[in-house]
Amino acid sequence: MDQRANGQCLCGAVKFRISGAFDSFFLCHCSRCRKDSGSAHSANLFANTATLDWLTGEDQIRIFHLPGTRHVKSFCATCGSALPYASPSGNMLVVPAGSLDTPVSLRPDAHICVSSRAGWDCDLADVAEFSGLPG
């Protein structure tokens, strides 16, 4: 069965469609992903056979490859939102989960690179939660 997911950047300049299934879903705590996301971790879906189609704004996509590593970030030149990245070989698609408008039915498979986890990202179950902005 062909699965489809749609997504876009924050400003709406770049829109895309993923066709096919995701193989894995990881929350990466490495220092590079923390810098990319500005948060505790990145949340990326991975696919070996799914395809990526840019629907609008392909000219707004920028790609940063950290020299000497496999670390790549694809983003919108206008708003900076993280966007999917397809490897040049075509055998790996990485999709930031937060860039999807279609609900993600998968649960993360694992937290990875936890040896690099931020010191403040531990034992958070008792931190207050608000359904909106705190009043």
N, C-alpha and C. Protein backbone atom coordinates (compact mmCIF):
# COMPACT_ATOMS: atom_id res chain seq x y z
N MET A 1 0.84 -1.18 0.00
CA MET A 1 0.00 0.00 0.00
C MET A 1 0.88 1.24 0.00
N ASP A 2 0.56 2.18 -0.85
CA ASP A 2 1.33 3.42 -0.94
C ASP A 2 0.84 4.40 0.12
N GLN A 3 1.73 4.83 0.99
CA GLN A 3 1.40 5.81 2.01
C GLN A 3 1.90 7.16 1.54
N ARG A 4 1.17 8.20 1.92
CA ARG A 4 1.57 9.56 1.55
C ARG A 4 1.53 10.45 2.77
N ALA A 5 2.45 11.39 2.80
CA ALA A 5 2.50 12.39 3.86
C ALA A 5 2.84 13.72 3.21
N ASN A 6 2.18 14.77 3.66
CA ASN A 6 2.44 16.12 3.15
C ASN A 6 3.04 16.97 4.24
N GLY A 7 3.84 17.94 3.82
CA GLY A 7 4.44 18.85 4.79
C GLY A 7 4.83 20.16 4.14
N GLN A 8 5.28 21.07 4.99
CA GLN A 8 5.71 22.38 4.50
C GLN A 8 6.55 23.05 5.57
N CYS A 9 7.21 24.13 5.17
CA CYS A 9 7.96 24.95 6.10
C CYS A 9 7.02 25.88 6.85
N LEU A 10 7.53 26.59 7.82
CA LEU A 10 6.72 27.49 8.65
C LEU A 10 6.06 28.60 7.84
N CYS A 11 6.79 29.19 6.88
CA CYS A 11 6.23 30.31 6.11
C CYS A 11 5.37 29.84 4.93
N GLY A 12 5.40 28.54 4.63
CA GLY A 12 4.58 28.00 3.54
C GLY A 12 5.19 28.12 2.16
N ALA A 13 6.41 28.65 2.07
CA ALA A 13 7.05 28.81 0.76
C ALA A 13 7.41 27.46 0.14
N VAL A 14 7.79 26.48 0.99
CA VAL A 14 8.20 25.17 0.50
C VAL A 14 7.17 24.14 0.95
N LYS A 15 6.62 23.40 -0.03
CA LYS A 15 5.67 22.32 0.26
C LYS A 15 6.17 21.06 -0.41
N PHE A 16 5.91 19.93 0.24
CA PHE A 16 6.41 18.66 -0.29
C PHE A 16 5.46 17.52 0.01
N ARG A 17 5.68 16.41 -0.68
CA ARG A 17 4.93 15.17 -0.46
C ARG A 17 5.91 14.01 -0.38
N ILE A 18 5.69 13.14 0.59
CA ILE A 18 6.46 11.90 0.72
C ILE A 18 5.53 10.77 0.31
N SER A 19 5.99 9.90 -0.59
CA SER A 19 5.22 8.73 -1.00
C SER A 19 5.99 7.49 -0.60
N GLY A 20 5.35 6.64 0.18
CA GLY A 20 5.99 5.43 0.67
C GLY A 20 6.04 5.42 2.18
N ALA A 21 6.51 4.32 2.72
CA ALA A 21 6.52 4.11 4.17
C ALA A 21 7.83 4.56 4.81
N PHE A 22 7.72 5.00 6.05
CA PHE A 22 8.91 5.29 6.84
C PHE A 22 9.40 4.00 7.49
N ASP A 23 10.72 3.84 7.56
CA ASP A 23 11.32 2.64 8.13
C ASP A 23 11.65 2.79 9.61
N SER A 24 11.99 4.01 10.02
CA SER A 24 12.36 4.22 11.42
C SER A 24 12.13 5.67 11.81
N PHE A 25 12.11 5.89 13.12
CA PHE A 25 11.85 7.20 13.70
C PHE A 25 12.76 7.32 14.93
N PHE A 26 13.73 8.23 14.85
CA PHE A 26 14.69 8.38 15.93
C PHE A 26 14.70 9.80 16.49
N LEU A 27 14.91 9.88 17.79
CA LEU A 27 15.14 11.14 18.48
C LEU A 27 16.63 11.19 18.77
N CYS A 28 17.35 12.06 18.06
CA CYS A 28 18.81 12.10 18.16
C CYS A 28 19.25 13.23 19.08
N HIS A 29 20.06 12.88 20.07
CA HIS A 29 20.54 13.82 21.08
C HIS A 29 21.99 14.28 20.84
N CYS A 30 22.56 13.96 19.68
CA CYS A 30 23.95 14.37 19.42
C CYS A 30 24.04 15.90 19.41
N SER A 31 25.22 16.41 19.68
CA SER A 31 25.39 17.86 19.76
C SER A 31 25.07 18.55 18.44
N ARG A 32 25.29 17.89 17.33
CA ARG A 32 24.98 18.49 16.02
C ARG A 32 23.48 18.64 15.84
N CYS A 33 22.73 17.61 16.17
CA CYS A 33 21.26 17.68 16.04
C CYS A 33 20.67 18.67 17.05
N ARG A 34 21.28 18.78 18.23
CA ARG A 34 20.81 19.77 19.20
C ARG A 34 21.03 21.18 18.66
N LYS A 35 22.16 21.42 18.01
CA LYS A 35 22.41 22.73 17.41
C LYS A 35 21.45 22.99 16.25
N ASP A 36 21.24 21.96 15.40
CA ASP A 36 20.30 22.10 14.27
C ASP A 36 18.91 22.48 14.74
N SER A 37 18.45 21.80 15.77
CA SER A 37 17.06 21.99 16.21
C SER A 37 16.91 23.12 17.22
N GLY A 38 17.99 23.48 17.90
CA GLY A 38 17.90 24.47 18.97
C GLY A 38 17.16 23.90 20.16
N SER A 39 17.09 22.59 20.24
CA SER A 39 16.33 21.94 21.29
C SER A 39 17.09 20.74 21.85
N ALA A 40 16.39 19.92 22.61
CA ALA A 40 17.02 18.78 23.27
C ALA A 40 17.44 17.69 22.29
N HIS A 41 16.74 17.60 21.18
CA HIS A 41 17.03 16.54 20.19
C HIS A 41 16.34 16.87 18.88
N SER A 42 16.75 16.17 17.83
CA SER A 42 16.02 16.22 16.57
C SER A 42 15.05 15.03 16.57
N ALA A 43 14.00 15.13 15.80
CA ALA A 43 13.02 14.05 15.66
C ALA A 43 12.88 13.79 14.17
N ASN A 44 13.57 12.76 13.68
CA ASN A 44 13.62 12.49 12.25
C ASN A 44 13.08 11.12 11.90
N LEU A 45 12.31 11.09 10.81
CA LEU A 45 11.83 9.86 10.21
C LEU A 45 12.78 9.48 9.08
N PHE A 46 13.02 8.18 8.92
CA PHE A 46 13.95 7.70 7.90
C PHE A 46 13.23 6.72 6.99
N ALA A 47 13.55 6.78 5.69
CA ALA A 47 12.97 5.87 4.72
C ALA A 47 14.03 5.48 3.70
N ASN A 48 14.03 4.20 3.37
CA ASN A 48 14.97 3.71 2.35
C ASN A 48 14.38 3.71 0.96
N THR A 49 13.05 3.60 0.85
CA THR A 49 12.44 3.47 -0.47
C THR A 49 11.40 4.55 -0.76
N ALA A 50 11.00 5.34 0.21
CA ALA A 50 10.02 6.40 -0.04
C ALA A 50 10.61 7.46 -0.96
N THR A 51 9.74 8.18 -1.63
CA THR A 51 10.18 9.24 -2.54
C THR A 51 9.71 10.60 -2.05
N LEU A 52 10.45 11.62 -2.41
CA LEU A 52 10.19 13.00 -2.04
C LEU A 52 9.87 13.80 -3.29
N ASP A 53 8.74 14.49 -3.27
CA ASP A 53 8.38 15.39 -4.37
C ASP A 53 8.20 16.79 -3.79
N TRP A 54 8.92 17.75 -4.36
CA TRP A 54 8.75 19.14 -3.97
C TRP A 54 7.57 19.69 -4.74
N LEU A 55 6.57 20.21 -4.04
CA LEU A 55 5.37 20.74 -4.69
C LEU A 55 5.49 22.22 -5.00
N THR A 56 6.11 22.98 -4.10
CA THR A 56 6.36 24.40 -4.32
C THR A 56 7.65 24.79 -3.60
N GLY A 57 8.26 25.86 -4.07
CA GLY A 57 9.38 26.47 -3.37
C GLY A 57 10.72 25.76 -3.42
N GLU A 58 10.92 24.89 -4.37
CA GLU A 58 12.18 24.16 -4.42
C GLU A 58 13.38 25.11 -4.50
N ASP A 59 13.19 26.29 -5.09
CA ASP A 59 14.27 27.27 -5.19
C ASP A 59 14.61 27.90 -3.83
N GLN A 60 13.77 27.69 -2.82
CA GLN A 60 14.02 28.24 -1.48
C GLN A 60 14.78 27.26 -0.57
N ILE A 61 15.04 26.05 -1.07
CA ILE A 61 15.70 25.03 -0.25
C ILE A 61 17.21 25.26 -0.23
N ARG A 62 17.77 25.23 0.95
CA ARG A 62 19.21 25.32 1.13
C ARG A 62 19.67 24.07 1.86
N ILE A 63 20.88 23.63 1.55
CA ILE A 63 21.44 22.44 2.18
C ILE A 63 22.79 22.79 2.76
N PHE A 64 22.97 22.44 4.03
CA PHE A 64 24.25 22.62 4.70
C PHE A 64 24.81 21.24 5.03
N HIS A 65 26.00 20.96 4.53
CA HIS A 65 26.70 19.71 4.84
C HIS A 65 27.89 20.05 5.70
N LEU A 66 27.92 19.55 6.92
CA LEU A 66 29.03 19.82 7.82
C LEU A 66 30.27 19.12 7.30
N PRO A 67 31.30 19.88 6.92
CA PRO A 67 32.50 19.28 6.32
C PRO A 67 33.09 18.17 7.19
N GLY A 68 33.51 17.11 6.52
CA GLY A 68 34.16 16.00 7.19
C GLY A 68 33.21 15.06 7.93
N THR A 69 31.88 15.25 7.75
CA THR A 69 30.91 14.40 8.43
C THR A 69 29.81 14.00 7.45
N ARG A 70 28.90 13.16 7.93
CA ARG A 70 27.70 12.80 7.16
C ARG A 70 26.53 13.69 7.56
N HIS A 71 26.77 14.65 8.43
CA HIS A 71 25.69 15.49 8.96
C HIS A 71 25.25 16.51 7.92
N VAL A 72 23.94 16.48 7.60
CA VAL A 72 23.36 17.37 6.59
C VAL A 72 22.09 17.98 7.16
N LYS A 73 21.88 19.25 6.86
CA LYS A 73 20.62 19.92 7.23
C LYS A 73 20.07 20.59 5.99
N SER A 74 18.79 20.32 5.71
CA SER A 74 18.06 20.95 4.63
C SER A 74 17.07 21.91 5.28
N PHE A 75 16.94 23.12 4.74
CA PHE A 75 16.09 24.11 5.38
C PHE A 75 15.58 25.13 4.37
N CYS A 76 14.52 25.86 4.77
CA CYS A 76 13.94 26.92 3.95
C CYS A 76 14.79 28.18 4.10
N ALA A 77 15.16 28.79 2.98
CA ALA A 77 15.98 30.00 3.00
C ALA A 77 15.21 31.19 3.56
N THR A 78 13.89 31.16 3.51
CA THR A 78 13.09 32.28 3.99
C THR A 78 12.88 32.22 5.51
N CYS A 79 12.39 31.07 6.01
CA CYS A 79 12.04 31.00 7.44
C CYS A 79 12.97 30.13 8.26
N GLY A 80 13.86 29.36 7.63
CA GLY A 80 14.82 28.53 8.35
C GLY A 80 14.29 27.19 8.82
N SER A 81 13.03 26.87 8.52
CA SER A 81 12.45 25.60 8.96
C SER A 81 13.21 24.41 8.37
N ALA A 82 13.36 23.36 9.18
CA ALA A 82 13.98 22.13 8.73
C ALA A 82 13.09 21.46 7.68
N LEU A 83 13.73 20.91 6.66
CA LEU A 83 13.03 20.25 5.55
C LEU A 83 13.64 18.89 5.28
N PRO A 84 12.94 18.03 4.55
CA PRO A 84 13.48 16.71 4.21
C PRO A 84 14.78 16.81 3.40
N TYR A 85 15.55 15.74 3.50
CA TYR A 85 16.79 15.64 2.74
C TYR A 85 16.87 14.24 2.14
N ALA A 86 17.08 14.18 0.83
CA ALA A 86 17.28 12.90 0.14
C ALA A 86 18.75 12.78 -0.20
N SER A 87 19.37 11.67 0.18
CA SER A 87 20.79 11.48 -0.12
C SER A 87 20.99 11.44 -1.62
N PRO A 88 22.16 11.89 -2.09
CA PRO A 88 22.42 11.89 -3.54
C PRO A 88 22.29 10.50 -4.16
N SER A 89 22.59 9.46 -3.40
CA SER A 89 22.48 8.09 -3.92
C SER A 89 21.02 7.66 -4.03
N GLY A 90 20.12 8.39 -3.36
CA GLY A 90 18.71 8.07 -3.42
C GLY A 90 18.28 6.94 -2.51
N ASN A 91 19.20 6.44 -1.67
CA ASN A 91 18.84 5.30 -0.83
C ASN A 91 18.49 5.69 0.61
N MET A 92 18.42 6.99 0.92
CA MET A 92 18.03 7.40 2.26
C MET A 92 17.33 8.75 2.20
N LEU A 93 16.16 8.78 2.81
CA LEU A 93 15.38 10.00 2.93
C LEU A 93 15.23 10.28 4.42
N VAL A 94 15.56 11.50 4.83
CA VAL A 94 15.44 11.92 6.22
C VAL A 94 14.40 13.04 6.26
N VAL A 95 13.36 12.85 7.08
CA VAL A 95 12.26 13.81 7.14
C VAL A 95 12.09 14.29 8.58
N PRO A 96 12.28 15.59 8.83
CA PRO A 96 12.01 16.11 10.17
C PRO A 96 10.53 15.91 10.50
N ALA A 97 10.24 15.20 11.57
CA ALA A 97 8.85 14.87 11.90
C ALA A 97 7.99 16.12 12.05
N GLY A 98 8.55 17.19 12.60
CA GLY A 98 7.80 18.41 12.80
C GLY A 98 7.46 19.16 11.53
N SER A 99 8.06 18.78 10.41
CA SER A 99 7.77 19.45 9.14
C SER A 99 6.53 18.89 8.46
N LEU A 100 6.02 17.77 8.97
CA LEU A 100 4.87 17.13 8.35
C LEU A 100 3.56 17.74 8.83
N ASP A 101 2.63 17.93 7.91
CA ASP A 101 1.27 18.35 8.24
C ASP A 101 0.38 17.13 8.46
N THR A 102 0.71 16.03 7.80
CA THR A 102 0.00 14.77 7.97
C THR A 102 0.39 14.19 9.33
N PRO A 103 -0.58 13.76 10.12
CA PRO A 103 -0.24 13.17 11.43
C PRO A 103 0.71 11.99 11.28
N VAL A 104 1.67 11.90 12.19
CA VAL A 104 2.64 10.81 12.20
C VAL A 104 2.08 9.71 13.10
N SER A 105 1.83 8.54 12.54
CA SER A 105 1.26 7.45 13.32
C SER A 105 2.32 6.61 14.04
N LEU A 106 3.57 6.76 13.65
CA LEU A 106 4.65 6.01 14.28
C LEU A 106 5.05 6.63 15.61
N ARG A 107 5.44 5.79 16.54
CA ARG A 107 6.10 6.27 17.75
C ARG A 107 7.59 6.17 17.51
N PRO A 108 8.39 7.04 18.14
CA PRO A 108 9.84 6.92 17.96
C PRO A 108 10.33 5.53 18.34
N ASP A 109 11.29 5.02 17.56
CA ASP A 109 11.89 3.72 17.82
C ASP A 109 12.89 3.79 18.97
N ALA A 110 13.60 4.92 19.07
CA ALA A 110 14.63 5.02 20.09
C ALA A 110 15.14 6.45 20.22
N HIS A 111 15.67 6.74 21.39
CA HIS A 111 16.51 7.91 21.61
C HIS A 111 17.91 7.44 21.23
N ILE A 112 18.60 8.20 20.38
CA ILE A 112 19.96 7.80 19.98
C ILE A 112 20.95 8.88 20.38
N CYS A 113 22.22 8.50 20.46
CA CYS A 113 23.32 9.39 20.84
C CYS A 113 23.06 10.02 22.22
N VAL A 114 22.51 9.23 23.12
CA VAL A 114 22.16 9.75 24.45
C VAL A 114 23.39 10.10 25.29
N SER A 115 24.55 9.64 24.89
CA SER A 115 25.76 10.03 25.62
C SER A 115 26.05 11.51 25.44
N SER A 116 25.42 12.13 24.41
CA SER A 116 25.58 13.56 24.17
C SER A 116 24.39 14.37 24.66
N ARG A 117 23.46 13.71 25.33
CA ARG A 117 22.22 14.37 25.80
C ARG A 117 22.55 15.60 26.64
N ALA A 118 21.77 16.67 26.46
CA ALA A 118 21.93 17.89 27.25
C ALA A 118 21.67 17.58 28.72
N GLY A 119 22.45 18.17 29.61
CA GLY A 119 22.32 17.92 31.04
C GLY A 119 20.95 18.25 31.59
N TRP A 120 20.25 19.19 30.98
CA TRP A 120 18.94 19.59 31.47
C TRP A 120 17.81 18.73 30.91
N ASP A 121 18.15 17.79 30.04
CA ASP A 121 17.16 16.93 29.39
C ASP A 121 17.07 15.57 30.08
N CYS A 122 16.84 15.58 31.37
CA CYS A 122 16.74 14.33 32.13
C CYS A 122 15.63 14.45 33.16
N ASP A 123 14.97 13.34 33.44
CA ASP A 123 13.94 13.27 34.48
C ASP A 123 12.94 14.42 34.37
N LEU A 124 12.31 14.56 33.23
CA LEU A 124 11.40 15.68 32.98
C LEU A 124 9.93 15.35 33.23
N ALA A 125 9.65 14.14 33.71
CA ALA A 125 8.26 13.73 33.90
C ALA A 125 7.51 14.63 34.88
N ASP A 126 8.22 15.23 35.84
CA ASP A 126 7.54 16.05 36.85
C ASP A 126 7.54 17.55 36.51
N VAL A 127 8.00 17.93 35.31
CA VAL A 127 7.98 19.33 34.91
C VAL A 127 6.54 19.70 34.55
N ALA A 128 6.10 20.89 34.98
CA ALA A 128 4.73 21.33 34.72
C ALA A 128 4.41 21.31 33.23
N GLU A 129 3.16 21.02 32.90
CA GLU A 129 2.66 21.04 31.51
C GLU A 129 1.50 22.01 31.40
N PHE A 130 1.44 22.73 30.27
CA PHE A 130 0.36 23.66 29.98
C PHE A 130 -0.18 23.33 28.59
N SER A 131 -1.47 23.42 28.38
CA SER A 131 -2.03 23.13 27.06
C SER A 131 -1.78 24.28 26.08
N GLY A 132 -1.43 25.45 26.59
CA GLY A 132 -1.09 26.61 25.77
C GLY A 132 0.07 27.34 26.45
N LEU A 133 0.18 28.61 26.22
CA LEU A 133 1.24 29.39 26.85
C LEU A 133 0.94 29.54 28.34
N PRO A 134 2.00 29.53 29.19
CA PRO A 134 1.74 29.70 30.62
C PRO A 134 1.18 31.09 30.89
N GLY A 135 0.26 31.18 31.84
CA GLY A 135 -0.41 32.44 32.14
C GLY A 135 0.24 33.10 33.26
